[in-house]
Amino acid sequence: MAERVARSSADLEECPARHCWVVDSLDGVKRAALLLEWRLAAVGGWEGRVVYLAKLRAGVGWTVVEEWVPAACLVER
């Protein structure tokens, strides 16, 4: 078990994905997200490509959202 945990920890260090919060999500709520990559936008500075869950209309459920978000809408905690 210790070897498996050590391997898992090493894999996490190499993984470029990071946890973040999207403060202006599609459904208007601060949502936990996975930051996948950064790019320099043509206008407005940096953007992060994120994946998160957003609530659909009342009673319909949830959907997965993948989008480029301005860096100002992303926070670490």
Protein backbone atom coordinates (compact mmCIF):
# COMPACT_ATOMS: atom_id res chain seq x y z
CA MET A 1 0.00 0.00 0.00
CA ALA A 2 2.81 2.44 0.85
CA GLU A 3 4.32 1.91 -2.61
CA ARG A 4 0.97 2.60 -4.29
CA VAL A 5 0.54 5.83 -2.30
CA ALA A 6 4.08 6.92 -3.17
CA ARG A 7 3.44 6.29 -6.88
CA SER A 8 0.14 8.19 -6.72
CA SER A 9 1.82 11.17 -5.04
CA ALA A 10 4.54 11.24 -7.71
CA ASP A 11 1.89 11.20 -10.46
CA LEU A 12 0.07 14.14 -8.85
CA GLU A 13 3.22 16.26 -8.90
CA GLU A 14 3.56 15.76 -12.66
CA CYS A 15 -0.10 16.41 -13.46
CA PRO A 16 -0.66 19.94 -14.80
CA ALA A 17 -4.32 20.10 -13.67
CA ARG A 18 -5.06 22.16 -10.57
CA HIS A 19 -8.09 22.71 -8.37
CA CYS A 20 -9.62 26.19 -8.54
CA TRP A 21 -12.90 28.01 -8.09
CA VAL A 22 -14.83 29.69 -10.90
CA VAL A 23 -16.43 32.79 -9.36
CA ASP A 24 -18.66 33.57 -12.36
CA SER A 25 -19.89 30.16 -13.51
CA LEU A 26 -22.59 29.57 -16.11
CA ASP A 27 -25.25 29.19 -13.41
CA GLY A 28 -24.00 32.23 -11.46
CA VAL A 29 -22.68 30.31 -8.44
CA LYS A 30 -19.06 29.95 -7.26
CA ARG A 31 -18.17 26.42 -8.39
CA ALA A 32 -15.25 24.07 -7.74
CA ALA A 33 -13.39 23.41 -10.98
CA LEU A 34 -10.41 21.70 -12.49
CA LEU A 35 -7.99 24.09 -14.23
CA LEU A 36 -6.56 22.27 -17.24
CA GLU A 37 -4.39 24.87 -19.00
CA TRP A 38 -3.62 28.55 -19.54
CA ARG A 39 -3.51 30.65 -22.69
CA LEU A 40 -2.87 34.29 -23.51
CA ALA A 41 -6.10 35.70 -24.96
CA ALA A 42 -6.03 37.98 -27.98
CA VAL A 43 -7.62 40.69 -25.81
CA GLY A 44 -7.83 40.92 -22.04
CA GLY A 45 -4.86 38.92 -20.74
CA TRP A 46 -4.78 35.32 -19.52
CA GLU A 47 -7.56 32.74 -19.62
CA GLY A 48 -7.81 29.32 -18.02
CA ARG A 49 -9.54 26.29 -19.53
CA VAL A 50 -11.67 24.77 -16.78
CA VAL A 51 -14.13 21.94 -16.27
CA TYR A 52 -16.88 22.11 -13.64
CA LEU A 53 -20.47 21.11 -12.93
CA ALA A 54 -23.28 23.66 -13.29
CA LYS A 55 -26.90 23.30 -12.25
CA LEU A 56 -29.46 23.28 -15.04
CA ARG A 57 -32.96 24.67 -14.70
CA ALA A 58 -34.70 23.73 -11.46
CA GLY A 59 -35.41 20.02 -11.27
CA VAL A 60 -33.51 19.13 -14.45
CA GLY A 61 -30.12 18.28 -12.91
CA TRP A 62 -26.47 19.07 -13.60
CA THR A 63 -24.26 19.38 -16.65
CA VAL A 64 -20.52 19.35 -17.27
CA VAL A 65 -19.15 22.67 -18.49
CA GLU A 66 -15.79 23.11 -20.21
CA GLU A 67 -14.88 26.69 -21.06
CA TRP A 68 -12.15 29.30 -21.27
CA VAL A 69 -12.55 31.73 -18.36
CA PRO A 70 -10.74 35.05 -17.76
CA ALA A 71 -8.07 34.69 -15.08
CA ALA A 72 -9.91 37.29 -12.97
CA CYS A 73 -12.79 34.78 -12.57
CA LEU A 74 -10.53 32.04 -11.16
CA VAL A 75 -9.38 31.77 -7.55
CA GLU A 76 -7.36 29.16 -5.70
CA ARG A 77 -9.51 28.99 -2.57
